[in-house]
Amino acid sequence: MPSAAPADALRTWNTLLRPYAAPMTGRSLIQLTVTLALLVGCFAAMLGLDALAGYWAGLPLSLVAGLLVVRLFIIQHDCGHYSFFRSRRACDLVGRLLGVLTLTPYAWWKRDHDRHHAASGDLSRRGHGDITTLTVREYRALPGWRRLVYRLYRHPLVLFGIGPVYQFLLRHRLPLGLRRGDAKGLLSILGTNAALALLLAGCGFAFGFLRFTALWLPAVTVAATVGVYMFFVQHQFAATYWERHDRWDFVTAALKGCSYFRLPQPLDWLTGSIGYHHVHHLSARIPNYRLRACFDEVPGLGIATAITLGQSFRCARLALWCEDRRRLLSFREALA
């Protein structure tokens, strides 16, 4: 992409991406129906194997079920950007219903995620829908006990183990951190909880509470872990982009602050092609099923940092942004 003023660059990209930023209702309905059918079929198979051969026979399918929940979350995510159906009302309805299956209060999450898109890579506007990231200077200025807390927070076992379970099973259930008078956020959380309670009661009566919970919780845990890991790799890599607000630029944040997470085809399908994350940040109105075509056909999108599944594991050790070296560093690199 040639050098240009930020506003001109954004207009140029909007023109290039506009042909892809339109939902195809038939394709959206097929994607939604197929994903739901596969999830129901997978869970039915888990129940069948549990009845025939015991709990451990059906448990491995929780991995597949969890990945299908991730795919449903991507559909919900598209609904939040109003990119899945032409009707905003349809997007909100489907998004709220899927939020029960993904354990995510739709309206509450949508608002936080919109802030993430508006401020991704902006050091002056951190804290909305992102993973807490400190600069080297900020970390050095902390007292010892707070450094320890941050180190624990950034440990892979916490980020991808305890963190996802806390976020989806507990944090999304509690109306904490809401602004005073935020009735919409409160209603979103409590409404999702009520619908989830009804779903659990119905499935519990149908299949047995202990049996259903023992099979469904592992699937939800897989989905939460994969979702958090995907989000981490899409923004937390060595050559990512962070800048103070007076020098921050939306287009640069999208192209350099979001990775192209190059996944094998089956995983790309299960994760709704969200690995083309820089394309998504440039234009959130592009439906997930058009991201790959956009990437292949629009010149200039190959500038993003490509990360394979194998390479992604190295990102887990990164923790501190160095404003001098313009890179995300591990604790060892930053404090050497």
C-alpha atoms as a PDB file:
ATOM      1  CA  MET A   1       0.000   0.000   0.000  1.00  0.00           C
ATOM      2  CA  PRO A   2       1.599   3.319  -0.996  1.00  0.00           C
ATOM      3  CA  SER A   3       2.272   5.967   1.622  1.00  0.00           C
ATOM      4  CA  ALA A   4      -0.701   8.264   2.122  1.00  0.00           C
ATOM      5  CA  ALA A   5      -2.366  10.430   4.717  1.00  0.00           C
ATOM      6  CA  PRO A   6      -4.334   8.288   7.208  1.00  0.00           C
ATOM      7  CA  ALA A   7      -7.723   9.492   5.973  1.00  0.00           C
ATOM      8  CA  ASP A   8      -6.761   8.922   2.326  1.00  0.00           C
ATOM      9  CA  ALA A   9      -5.403   5.453   3.088  1.00  0.00           C
ATOM     10  CA  LEU A  10      -8.610   4.501   4.896  1.00  0.00           C
ATOM     11  CA  ARG A  11     -10.755   5.734   1.995  1.00  0.00           C
ATOM     12  CA  THR A  12      -8.629   3.741  -0.445  1.00  0.00           C
ATOM     13  CA  TRP A  13      -8.987   0.543   1.562  1.00  0.00           C
ATOM     14  CA  ASN A  14     -12.714   1.080   2.019  1.00  0.00           C
ATOM     15  CA  THR A  15     -13.073   1.334  -1.751  1.00  0.00           C
ATOM     16  CA  LEU A  16     -11.051  -1.851  -2.311  1.00  0.00           C
ATOM     17  CA  LEU A  17     -12.883  -3.868   0.327  1.00  0.00           C
ATOM     18  CA  ARG A  18     -16.419  -2.596  -0.210  1.00  0.00           C
ATOM     19  CA  PRO A  19     -17.352  -5.300  -2.778  1.00  0.00           C
ATOM     20  CA  TYR A  20     -16.747  -7.974  -0.104  1.00  0.00           C
ATOM     21  CA  ALA A  21     -18.521  -6.137   2.736  1.00  0.00           C
ATOM     22  CA  ALA A  22     -21.993  -7.430   2.006  1.00  0.00           C
ATOM     23  CA  PRO A  23     -23.638 -10.484   3.573  1.00  0.00           C
ATOM     24  CA  MET A  24     -25.098 -13.191   1.350  1.00  0.00           C
ATOM     25  CA  THR A  25     -28.277 -14.250   3.143  1.00  0.00           C
ATOM     26  CA  GLY A  26     -28.464 -17.724   1.621  1.00  0.00           C
ATOM     27  CA  ARG A  27     -24.863 -18.496   2.420  1.00  0.00           C
ATOM     28  CA  SER A  28     -25.248 -17.163   5.954  1.00  0.00           C
ATOM     29  CA  LEU A  29     -28.299 -19.360   6.568  1.00  0.00           C
ATOM     30  CA  ILE A  30     -26.498 -22.434   5.200  1.00  0.00           C
ATOM     31  CA  GLN A  31     -23.456 -21.761   7.388  1.00  0.00           C
ATOM     32  CA  LEU A  32     -25.589 -21.301  10.482  1.00  0.00           C
ATOM     33  CA  THR A  33     -27.745 -24.380   9.795  1.00  0.00           C
ATOM     34  CA  VAL A  34     -24.819 -26.666   8.978  1.00  0.00           C
ATOM     35  CA  THR A  35     -22.855 -25.586  12.056  1.00  0.00           C
ATOM     36  CA  LEU A  36     -25.806 -26.064  14.401  1.00  0.00           C
ATOM     37  CA  ALA A  37     -26.625 -29.437  12.840  1.00  0.00           C
ATOM     38  CA  LEU A  38     -23.042 -30.637  13.209  1.00  0.00           C
ATOM     39  CA  LEU A  39     -22.943 -29.515  16.843  1.00  0.00           C
ATOM     40  CA  VAL A  40     -26.222 -31.291  17.646  1.00  0.00           C
ATOM     41  CA  GLY A  41     -25.014 -34.405  15.811  1.00  0.00           C
ATOM     42  CA  CYS A  42     -21.677 -34.345  17.611  1.00  0.00           C
ATOM     43  CA  PHE A  43     -23.330 -34.043  21.008  1.00  0.00           C
ATOM     44  CA  ALA A  44     -25.798 -36.800  20.139  1.00  0.00           C
ATOM     45  CA  ALA A  45     -22.828 -39.013  19.261  1.00  0.00           C
ATOM     46  CA  MET A  46     -21.225 -38.148  22.610  1.00  0.00           C
ATOM     47  CA  LEU A  47     -24.405 -39.180  24.416  1.00  0.00           C
ATOM     48  CA  GLY A  48     -24.658 -42.373  22.369  1.00  0.00           C
ATOM     49  CA  LEU A  49     -21.063 -43.408  23.060  1.00  0.00           C
ATOM     50  CA  ASP A  50     -21.528 -42.582  26.726  1.00  0.00           C
ATOM     51  CA  ALA A  51     -24.577 -44.861  26.875  1.00  0.00           C
ATOM     52  CA  LEU A  52     -22.926 -47.706  24.948  1.00  0.00           C
ATOM     53  CA  ALA A  53     -19.362 -47.694  26.244  1.00  0.00           C
ATOM     54  CA  GLY A  54     -19.175 -45.255  29.121  1.00  0.00           C
ATOM     55  CA  TYR A  55     -18.190 -41.651  29.702  1.00  0.00           C
ATOM     56  CA  TRP A  56     -14.606 -41.873  28.462  1.00  0.00           C
ATOM     57  CA  ALA A  57     -15.713 -43.208  25.074  1.00  0.00           C
ATOM     58  CA  GLY A  58     -17.697 -40.070  24.283  1.00  0.00           C
ATOM     59  CA  LEU A  59     -15.370 -37.534  25.890  1.00  0.00           C
ATOM     60  CA  PRO A  60     -12.881 -37.220  22.966  1.00  0.00           C
ATOM     61  CA  LEU A  61     -15.685 -35.786  20.835  1.00  0.00           C
ATOM     62  CA  SER A  62     -15.780 -32.803  23.186  1.00  0.00           C
ATOM     63  CA  LEU A  63     -12.800 -31.476  21.198  1.00  0.00           C
ATOM     64  CA  VAL A  64     -14.866 -31.473  18.004  1.00  0.00           C
ATOM     65  CA  ALA A  65     -17.899 -30.050  19.799  1.00  0.00           C
ATOM     66  CA  GLY A  66     -15.736 -27.299  21.292  1.00  0.00           C
ATOM     67  CA  LEU A  67     -14.394 -26.315  17.874  1.00  0.00           C
ATOM     68  CA  LEU A  68     -17.950 -26.180  16.527  1.00  0.00           C
ATOM     69  CA  VAL A  69     -18.856 -23.846  19.394  1.00  0.00           C
ATOM     70  CA  VAL A  70     -15.921 -21.671  18.277  1.00  0.00           C
ATOM     71  CA  ARG A  71     -17.473 -21.585  14.793  1.00  0.00           C
ATOM     72  CA  LEU A  72     -20.800 -20.534  16.306  1.00  0.00           C
ATOM     73  CA  PHE A  73     -18.986 -17.803  18.224  1.00  0.00           C
ATOM     74  CA  ILE A  74     -17.555 -16.484  14.944  1.00  0.00           C
ATOM     75  CA  ILE A  75     -21.088 -16.351  13.536  1.00  0.00           C
ATOM     76  CA  GLN A  76     -22.224 -14.522  16.679  1.00  0.00           C
ATOM     77  CA  HIS A  77     -19.213 -12.236  16.256  1.00  0.00           C
ATOM     78  CA  ASP A  78     -20.276 -11.443  12.678  1.00  0.00           C
ATOM     79  CA  CYS A  79     -23.779 -10.691  13.925  1.00  0.00           C
ATOM     80  CA  GLY A  80     -22.249  -8.206  16.355  1.00  0.00           C
ATOM     81  CA  HIS A  81     -20.617  -6.416  13.428  1.00  0.00           C
ATOM     82  CA  TYR A  82     -23.879  -6.583  11.429  1.00  0.00           C
ATOM     83  CA  SER A  83     -22.044  -8.489   8.717  1.00  0.00           C
ATOM     84  CA  PHE A  84     -23.963 -11.793   8.793  1.00  0.00           C
ATOM     85  CA  PHE A  85     -27.406 -10.653   7.634  1.00  0.00           C
ATOM     86  CA  ARG A  86     -28.532  -7.509   5.870  1.00  0.00           C
ATOM     87  CA  SER A  87     -31.084  -6.940   8.630  1.00  0.00           C
ATOM     88  CA  ARG A  88     -29.632  -5.605  11.863  1.00  0.00           C
ATOM     89  CA  ARG A  89     -32.649  -6.969  13.706  1.00  0.00           C
ATOM     90  CA  ALA A  90     -31.907 -10.465  12.373  1.00  0.00           C
ATOM     91  CA  CYS A  91     -28.255 -10.119  13.380  1.00  0.00           C
ATOM     92  CA  ASP A  92     -29.186  -9.090  16.916  1.00  0.00           C
ATOM     93  CA  LEU A  93     -31.722 -11.900  17.268  1.00  0.00           C
ATOM     94  CA  VAL A  94     -29.351 -14.626  16.078  1.00  0.00           C
ATOM     95  CA  GLY A  95     -26.474 -13.097  18.034  1.00  0.00           C
ATOM     96  CA  ARG A  96     -28.447 -13.162  21.284  1.00  0.00           C
ATOM     97  CA  LEU A  97     -29.558 -16.771  20.746  1.00  0.00           C
ATOM     98  CA  LEU A  98     -26.049 -17.951  19.920  1.00  0.00           C
ATOM     99  CA  GLY A  99     -24.761 -16.072  22.961  1.00  0.00           C
ATOM    100  CA  VAL A 100     -26.564 -18.617  25.119  1.00  0.00           C
ATOM    101  CA  LEU A 101     -24.671 -21.506  23.467  1.00  0.00           C
ATOM    102  CA  THR A 102     -21.329 -19.653  23.582  1.00  0.00           C
ATOM    103  CA  LEU A 103     -21.937 -18.410  27.166  1.00  0.00           C
ATOM    104  CA  THR A 104     -21.410 -14.828  25.979  1.00  0.00           C
ATOM    105  CA  PRO A 105     -23.849 -11.966  26.726  1.00  0.00           C
ATOM    106  CA  TYR A 106     -24.280 -10.640  23.205  1.00  0.00           C
ATOM    107  CA  ALA A 107     -25.014  -6.930  23.720  1.00  0.00           C
ATOM    108  CA  TRP A 108     -22.492  -6.548  26.559  1.00  0.00           C
ATOM    109  CA  TRP A 109     -19.767  -8.290  24.588  1.00  0.00           C
ATOM    110  CA  LYS A 110     -20.611  -6.434  21.359  1.00  0.00           C
ATOM    111  CA  ARG A 111     -20.069  -3.022  22.915  1.00  0.00           C
ATOM    112  CA  ASP A 112     -16.738  -4.036  24.430  1.00  0.00           C
ATOM    113  CA  HIS A 113     -15.633  -5.610  21.149  1.00  0.00           C
ATOM    114  CA  ASP A 114     -16.549  -2.487  19.180  1.00  0.00           C
ATOM    115  CA  ARG A 115     -14.234  -0.525  21.483  1.00  0.00           C
ATOM    116  CA  HIS A 116     -11.508  -3.058  20.806  1.00  0.00           C
ATOM    117  CA  HIS A 117     -11.811  -2.438  17.063  1.00  0.00           C
ATOM    118  CA  ALA A 118     -11.772   1.322  17.553  1.00  0.00           C
ATOM    119  CA  ALA A 119      -8.626   1.305  19.705  1.00  0.00           C
ATOM    120  CA  SER A 120      -6.637  -1.825  18.808  1.00  0.00           C
ATOM    121  CA  GLY A 121      -2.929  -1.056  19.073  1.00  0.00           C
ATOM    122  CA  ASP A 122      -3.504   2.280  20.833  1.00  0.00           C
ATOM    123  CA  LEU A 123      -1.344   2.404  23.968  1.00  0.00           C
ATOM    124  CA  SER A 124      -3.405   5.293  25.299  1.00  0.00           C
ATOM    125  CA  ARG A 125      -6.721   3.415  25.024  1.00  0.00           C
ATOM    126  CA  ARG A 126      -5.982  -0.073  26.348  1.00  0.00           C
ATOM    127  CA  GLY A 127      -8.422  -2.092  28.426  1.00  0.00           C
ATOM    128  CA  HIS A 128     -11.371  -2.807  26.167  1.00  0.00           C
ATOM    129  CA  GLY A 129     -11.724  -6.319  24.791  1.00  0.00           C
ATOM    130  CA  ASP A 130      -7.990  -6.956  24.784  1.00  0.00           C
ATOM    131  CA  ILE A 131      -5.354  -8.870  26.723  1.00  0.00           C
ATOM    132  CA  THR A 132      -3.666  -6.660  29.304  1.00  0.00           C
ATOM    133  CA  THR A 133      -0.266  -5.635  27.964  1.00  0.00           C
ATOM    134  CA  LEU A 134       2.277  -3.447  29.737  1.00  0.00           C
ATOM    135  CA  THR A 135       5.250  -1.633  28.290  1.00  0.00           C
ATOM    136  CA  VAL A 136       8.731  -2.381  29.595  1.00  0.00           C
ATOM    137  CA  ARG A 137       8.826   1.012  31.342  1.00  0.00           C
ATOM    138  CA  GLU A 138       5.443   0.469  32.973  1.00  0.00           C
ATOM    139  CA  TYR A 139       6.492  -2.950  34.218  1.00  0.00           C
ATOM    140  CA  ARG A 140       9.764  -1.640  35.661  1.00  0.00           C
ATOM    141  CA  ALA A 141       7.875   1.102  37.528  1.00  0.00           C
ATOM    142  CA  LEU A 142       5.616  -1.389  39.333  1.00  0.00           C
ATOM    143  CA  PRO A 143       6.231  -2.512  42.930  1.00  0.00           C
ATOM    144  CA  GLY A 144       7.472  -6.077  43.302  1.00  0.00           C
ATOM    145  CA  TRP A 145       4.135  -7.666  44.182  1.00  0.00           C
ATOM    146  CA  ARG A 146       2.411  -6.152  41.127  1.00  0.00           C
ATOM    147  CA  ARG A 147       5.200  -7.392  38.871  1.00  0.00           C
ATOM    148  CA  LEU A 148       4.552 -10.862  40.256  1.00  0.00           C
ATOM    149  CA  VAL A 149       0.818 -10.527  39.578  1.00  0.00           C
ATOM    150  CA  TYR A 150       1.490  -9.479  35.976  1.00  0.00           C
ATOM    151  CA  ARG A 151       3.951 -12.332  35.478  1.00  0.00           C
ATOM    152  CA  LEU A 152       1.357 -14.788  36.754  1.00  0.00           C
ATOM    153  CA  TYR A 153      -1.318 -13.237  34.545  1.00  0.00           C
ATOM    154  CA  ARG A 154       0.883 -13.597  31.453  1.00  0.00           C
ATOM    155  CA  HIS A 155       1.884 -17.195  32.223  1.00  0.00           C
ATOM    156  CA  PRO A 156       0.514 -19.570  29.553  1.00  0.00           C
ATOM    157  CA  LEU A 157      -1.186 -21.754  32.172  1.00  0.00           C
ATOM    158  CA  VAL A 158      -3.170 -18.731  33.335  1.00  0.00           C
ATOM    159  CA  LEU A 159      -3.763 -17.119  29.925  1.00  0.00           C
ATOM    160  CA  PHE A 160      -4.890 -20.316  28.214  1.00  0.00           C
ATOM    161  CA  GLY A 161      -5.966 -22.437  31.172  1.00  0.00           C
ATOM    162  CA  ILE A 162      -7.476 -20.577  34.105  1.00  0.00           C
ATOM    163  CA  GLY A 163      -8.233 -17.406  32.143  1.00  0.00           C
ATOM    164  CA  PRO A 164     -10.650 -18.792  29.532  1.00  0.00           C
ATOM    165  CA  VAL A 165     -12.587 -20.799  32.116  1.00  0.00           C
ATOM    166  CA  TYR A 166     -12.869 -17.744  34.373  1.00  0.00           C
ATOM    167  CA  GLN A 167     -13.864 -15.468  31.484  1.00  0.00           C
ATOM    168  CA  PHE A 168     -16.625 -17.601  29.991  1.00  0.00           C
ATOM    169  CA  LEU A 169     -17.949 -19.544  32.971  1.00  0.00           C
ATOM    170  CA  LEU A 170     -17.701 -16.851  35.663  1.00  0.00           C
ATOM    171  CA  ARG A 171     -16.861 -13.363  34.358  1.00  0.00           C
ATOM    172  CA  HIS A 172     -19.595 -13.448  31.710  1.00  0.00           C
ATOM    173  CA  ARG A 173     -22.116 -14.466  34.358  1.00  0.00           C
ATOM    174  CA  LEU A 174     -21.519 -11.508  36.701  1.00  0.00           C
ATOM    175  CA  PRO A 175     -22.504  -7.863  36.073  1.00  0.00           C
ATOM    176  CA  LEU A 176     -19.158  -6.538  37.291  1.00  0.00           C
ATOM    177  CA  GLY A 177     -17.412  -3.454  35.973  1.00  0.00           C
ATOM    178  CA  LEU A 178     -20.525  -1.975  34.380  1.00  0.00           C
ATOM    179  CA  ARG A 179     -20.875   1.772  34.208  1.00  0.00           C
ATOM    180  CA  ARG A 180     -23.509   3.289  36.499  1.00  0.00           C
ATOM    181  CA  GLY A 181     -26.907   3.183  34.837  1.00  0.00           C
ATOM    182  CA  ASP A 182     -25.801   0.655  32.211  1.00  0.00           C
ATOM    183  CA  ALA A 183     -29.190  -1.052  31.968  1.00  0.00           C
ATOM    184  CA  LYS A 184     -28.449  -2.535  28.552  1.00  0.00           C
ATOM    185  CA  GLY A 185     -25.284  -4.277  29.743  1.00  0.00           C
ATOM    186  CA  LEU A 186     -27.001  -5.531  32.884  1.00  0.00           C
ATOM    187  CA  LEU A 187     -29.977  -6.856  30.912  1.00  0.00           C
ATOM    188  CA  SER A 188     -27.654  -8.581  28.453  1.00  0.00           C
ATOM    189  CA  ILE A 189     -25.807 -10.451  31.207  1.00  0.00           C
ATOM    190  CA  LEU A 190     -28.849 -11.347  33.296  1.00  0.00           C
ATOM    191  CA  GLY A 191     -30.942 -12.248  30.237  1.00  0.00           C
ATOM    192  CA  THR A 192     -28.243 -14.573  28.928  1.00  0.00           C
ATOM    193  CA  ASN A 193     -27.951 -16.173  32.365  1.00  0.00           C
ATOM    194  CA  ALA A 194     -31.701 -16.760  32.517  1.00  0.00           C
ATOM    195  CA  ALA A 195     -31.801 -18.301  29.032  1.00  0.00           C
ATOM    196  CA  LEU A 196     -28.777 -20.436  29.881  1.00  0.00           C
ATOM    197  CA  ALA A 197     -30.472 -21.670  33.062  1.00  0.00           C
ATOM    198  CA  LEU A 198     -33.534 -22.707  31.051  1.00  0.00           C
ATOM    199  CA  LEU A 199     -31.360 -24.519  28.503  1.00  0.00           C
ATOM    200  CA  LEU A 200     -29.438 -26.355  31.214  1.00  0.00           C
ATOM    201  CA  ALA A 201     -32.673 -27.296  33.000  1.00  0.00           C
ATOM    202  CA  GLY A 202     -34.215 -28.683  29.815  1.00  0.00           C
ATOM    203  CA  CYS A 203     -31.119 -30.656  28.819  1.00  0.00           C
ATOM    204  CA  GLY A 204     -30.653 -31.804  32.402  1.00  0.00           C
ATOM    205  CA  PHE A 205     -34.156 -33.221  32.586  1.00  0.00           C
ATOM    206  CA  ALA A 206     -33.784 -34.816  29.146  1.00  0.00           C
ATOM    207  CA  PHE A 207     -30.353 -36.401  29.559  1.00  0.00           C
ATOM    208  CA  GLY A 208     -29.571 -36.202  33.266  1.00  0.00           C
ATOM    209  CA  PHE A 209     -27.939 -33.177  34.883  1.00  0.00           C
ATOM    210  CA  LEU A 210     -24.678 -34.861  35.819  1.00  0.00           C
ATOM    211  CA  ARG A 211     -24.383 -36.646  32.488  1.00  0.00           C
ATOM    212  CA  PHE A 212     -25.094 -33.517  30.438  1.00  0.00           C
ATOM    213  CA  THR A 213     -22.784 -31.299  32.478  1.00  0.00           C
ATOM    214  CA  ALA A 214     -19.929 -33.828  32.390  1.00  0.00           C
ATOM    215  CA  LEU A 215     -20.061 -33.920  28.589  1.00  0.00           C
ATOM    216  CA  TRP A 216     -20.869 -30.272  27.848  1.00  0.00           C
ATOM    217  CA  LEU A 217     -18.401 -28.550  30.194  1.00  0.00           C
ATOM    218  CA  PRO A 218     -15.306 -30.055  28.487  1.00  0.00           C
ATOM    219  CA  ALA A 219     -16.633 -28.853  25.105  1.00  0.00           C
ATOM    220  CA  VAL A 220     -17.187 -25.341  26.453  1.00  0.00           C
ATOM    221  CA  THR A 221     -13.711 -25.375  28.006  1.00  0.00           C
ATOM    222  CA  VAL A 222     -12.173 -26.351  24.667  1.00  0.00           C
ATOM    223  CA  ALA A 223     -14.085 -23.552  22.929  1.00  0.00           C
ATOM    224  CA  ALA A 224     -13.028 -20.953  25.499  1.00  0.00           C
ATOM    225  CA  THR A 225      -9.373 -21.999  25.370  1.00  0.00           C
ATOM    226  CA  VAL A 226      -9.211 -22.065  21.577  1.00  0.00           C
ATOM    227  CA  GLY A 227     -11.012 -18.722  21.358  1.00  0.00           C
ATOM    228  CA  VAL A 228      -8.650 -16.979  23.768  1.00  0.00           C
ATOM    229  CA  TYR A 229      -5.599 -18.531  22.099  1.00  0.00           C
ATOM    230  CA  MET A 230      -6.760 -17.414  18.646  1.00  0.00           C
ATOM    231  CA  PHE A 231      -7.332 -13.868  19.884  1.00  0.00           C
ATOM    232  CA  PHE A 232      -3.922 -13.844  21.584  1.00  0.00           C
ATOM    233  CA  VAL A 233      -2.011 -14.927  18.481  1.00  0.00           C
ATOM    234  CA  GLN A 234      -3.893 -12.445  16.312  1.00  0.00           C
ATOM    235  CA  HIS A 235      -2.570  -9.484  18.308  1.00  0.00           C
ATOM    236  CA  GLN A 236       0.292 -10.664  20.514  1.00  0.00           C
ATOM    237  CA  PHE A 237       3.244 -11.392  18.246  1.00  0.00           C
ATOM    238  CA  ALA A 238       6.762  -9.954  18.190  1.00  0.00           C
ATOM    239  CA  ALA A 239       6.333  -7.512  15.295  1.00  0.00           C
ATOM    240  CA  THR A 240       2.880  -6.290  16.307  1.00  0.00           C
ATOM    241  CA  TYR A 241       1.869  -2.628  16.454  1.00  0.00           C
ATOM    242  CA  TRP A 242       1.397  -0.423  19.506  1.00  0.00           C
ATOM    243  CA  GLU A 243       1.493   3.362  19.422  1.00  0.00           C
ATOM    244  CA  ARG A 244       0.555   6.329  21.569  1.00  0.00           C
ATOM    245  CA  HIS A 245      -2.738   7.935  20.554  1.00  0.00           C
ATOM    246  CA  ASP A 246      -1.259  11.047  18.956  1.00  0.00           C
ATOM    247  CA  ARG A 247       0.701   8.824  16.546  1.00  0.00           C
ATOM    248  CA  TRP A 248      -1.747   5.920  16.285  1.00  0.00           C
ATOM    249  CA  ASP A 249      -3.285   5.093  12.902  1.00  0.00           C
ATOM    250  CA  PHE A 250      -6.271   2.809  12.262  1.00  0.00           C
ATOM    251  CA  VAL A 251      -5.021   1.328   8.968  1.00  0.00           C
ATOM    252  CA  THR A 252      -1.531   0.654  10.295  1.00  0.00           C
ATOM    253  CA  ALA A 253      -3.015  -0.935  13.422  1.00  0.00           C
ATOM    254  CA  ALA A 254      -5.057  -3.288  11.235  1.00  0.00           C
ATOM    255  CA  LEU A 255      -2.285  -4.252   8.811  1.00  0.00           C
ATOM    256  CA  LYS A 256       0.596  -4.439  11.269  1.00  0.00           C
ATOM    257  CA  GLY A 257      -1.121  -4.986  14.614  1.00  0.00           C
ATOM    258  CA  CYS A 258      -3.166  -7.996  13.471  1.00  0.00           C
ATOM    259  CA  SER A 259      -1.625 -11.211  12.229  1.00  0.00           C
ATOM    260  CA  TYR A 260      -2.614 -13.488   9.399  1.00  0.00           C
ATOM    261  CA  PHE A 261      -2.967 -16.722  11.390  1.00  0.00           C
ATOM    262  CA  ARG A 262      -2.403 -19.242   8.595  1.00  0.00           C
ATOM    263  CA  LEU A 263      -4.226 -22.377   9.729  1.00  0.00           C
ATOM    264  CA  PRO A 264      -4.694 -25.744   8.000  1.00  0.00           C
ATOM    265  CA  GLN A 265      -7.923 -25.837   5.996  1.00  0.00           C
ATOM    266  CA  PRO A 266     -10.006 -27.863   8.516  1.00  0.00           C
ATOM    267  CA  LEU A 267      -9.087 -25.468  11.336  1.00  0.00           C
ATOM    268  CA  ASP A 268      -9.609 -22.458   9.092  1.00  0.00           C
ATOM    269  CA  TRP A 269     -13.152 -23.726   8.402  1.00  0.00           C
ATOM    270  CA  LEU A 270     -13.893 -24.468  12.059  1.00  0.00           C
ATOM    271  CA  THR A 271     -12.685 -21.025  13.134  1.00  0.00           C
ATOM    272  CA  GLY A 272     -14.640 -19.171  10.455  1.00  0.00           C
ATOM    273  CA  SER A 273     -11.505 -17.916   8.647  1.00  0.00           C
ATOM    274  CA  ILE A 274     -10.954 -15.412  11.470  1.00  0.00           C
ATOM    275  CA  GLY A 275      -7.230 -16.046  10.998  1.00  0.00           C
ATOM    276  CA  TYR A 276      -7.445 -13.389   8.253  1.00  0.00           C
ATOM    277  CA  HIS A 277      -7.649 -11.026  11.142  1.00  0.00           C
ATOM    278  CA  HIS A 278      -6.019  -8.018   9.520  1.00  0.00           C
ATOM    279  CA  VAL A 279      -8.672  -8.110   6.800  1.00  0.00           C
ATOM    280  CA  HIS A 280     -11.373  -8.262   9.451  1.00  0.00           C
ATOM    281  CA  HIS A 281      -9.938  -5.239  11.287  1.00  0.00           C
ATOM    282  CA  LEU A 282      -9.710  -3.233   8.071  1.00  0.00           C
ATOM    283  CA  SER A 283     -13.378  -3.931   7.378  1.00  0.00           C
ATOM    284  CA  ALA A 284     -15.452  -5.585  10.080  1.00  0.00           C
ATOM    285  CA  ARG A 285     -18.446  -5.635   7.731  1.00  0.00           C
ATOM    286  CA  ILE A 286     -16.938  -8.452   5.647  1.00  0.00           C
ATOM    287  CA  PRO A 287     -18.663 -11.772   6.542  1.00  0.00           C
ATOM    288  CA  ASN A 288     -16.325 -14.509   7.727  1.00  0.00           C
ATOM    289  CA  TYR A 289     -16.981 -16.610   4.617  1.00  0.00           C
ATOM    290  CA  ARG A 290     -15.702 -13.825   2.328  1.00  0.00           C
ATOM    291  CA  LEU A 291     -12.464 -13.045   4.191  1.00  0.00           C
ATOM    292  CA  ARG A 292     -10.369 -15.599   2.317  1.00  0.00           C
ATOM    293  CA  ALA A 293     -11.547 -14.449  -1.118  1.00  0.00           C
ATOM    294  CA  CYS A 294     -10.859 -10.851  -0.137  1.00  0.00           C
ATOM    295  CA  PHE A 295      -7.339 -11.756   0.993  1.00  0.00           C
ATOM    296  CA  ASP A 296      -6.632 -13.664  -2.227  1.00  0.00           C
ATOM    297  CA  GLU A 297      -8.009 -11.042  -4.590  1.00  0.00           C
ATOM    298  CA  VAL A 298      -7.159  -7.630  -3.116  1.00  0.00           C
ATOM    299  CA  PRO A 299      -3.530  -6.515  -3.614  1.00  0.00           C
ATOM    300  CA  GLY A 300      -1.626  -5.320  -0.572  1.00  0.00           C
ATOM    301  CA  LEU A 301      -3.196  -7.556   2.060  1.00  0.00           C
ATOM    302  CA  GLY A 302      -0.163  -9.836   2.086  1.00  0.00           C
ATOM    303  CA  ILE A 303       1.722  -7.199   4.096  1.00  0.00           C
ATOM    304  CA  ALA A 304       0.417  -8.633   7.386  1.00  0.00           C
ATOM    305  CA  THR A 305       2.634 -10.869   9.509  1.00  0.00           C
ATOM    306  CA  ALA A 306       1.825 -14.496   8.671  1.00  0.00           C
ATOM    307  CA  ILE A 307       1.968 -16.957  11.572  1.00  0.00           C
ATOM    308  CA  THR A 308       1.560 -20.706  11.206  1.00  0.00           C
ATOM    309  CA  LEU A 309       0.134 -22.944  13.903  1.00  0.00           C
ATOM    310  CA  GLY A 310       3.625 -24.189  14.783  1.00  0.00           C
ATOM    311  CA  GLN A 311       5.046 -20.662  14.954  1.00  0.00           C
ATOM    312  CA  SER A 312       2.160 -19.474  17.110  1.00  0.00           C
ATOM    313  CA  PHE A 313       3.394 -21.377  20.153  1.00  0.00           C
ATOM    314  CA  ARG A 314       6.419 -19.069  20.360  1.00  0.00           C
ATOM    315  CA  CYS A 315       4.107 -16.110  20.904  1.00  0.00           C
ATOM    316  CA  ALA A 316       3.038 -17.461  24.302  1.00  0.00           C
ATOM    317  CA  ARG A 317       6.268 -16.275  25.947  1.00  0.00           C
ATOM    318  CA  LEU A 318       5.849 -12.648  24.788  1.00  0.00           C
ATOM    319  CA  ALA A 319       4.641 -10.264  27.483  1.00  0.00           C
ATOM    320  CA  LEU A 320       6.045  -6.704  27.344  1.00  0.00           C
ATOM    321  CA  TRP A 321       5.969  -4.042  24.649  1.00  0.00           C
ATOM    322  CA  CYS A 322       9.256  -2.204  24.177  1.00  0.00           C
ATOM    323  CA  GLU A 323       8.615   1.319  22.880  1.00  0.00           C
ATOM    324  CA  ASP A 324      12.294   1.737  22.009  1.00  0.00           C
ATOM    325  CA  ARG A 325      12.737  -1.493  20.033  1.00  0.00           C
ATOM    326  CA  ARG A 326       9.166  -1.437  18.695  1.00  0.00           C
ATOM    327  CA  ARG A 327       8.626  -5.106  19.508  1.00  0.00           C
ATOM    328  CA  LEU A 328       6.793  -7.351  21.935  1.00  0.00           C
ATOM    329  CA  LEU A 329       9.350  -9.106  24.099  1.00  0.00           C
ATOM    330  CA  SER A 330       9.535 -11.929  26.600  1.00  0.00           C
ATOM    331  CA  PHE A 331      10.358 -11.083  30.202  1.00  0.00           C
ATOM    332  CA  ARG A 332      13.869 -12.466  29.676  1.00  0.00           C
ATOM    333  CA  GLU A 333      14.465 -10.338  26.568  1.00  0.00           C
ATOM    334  CA  ALA A 334      13.004  -7.189  28.114  1.00  0.00           C
ATOM    335  CA  LEU A 335      14.887  -7.390  31.396  1.00  0.00           C
ATOM    336  CA  ALA A 336      18.234  -8.699  30.149  1.00  0.00           C
END
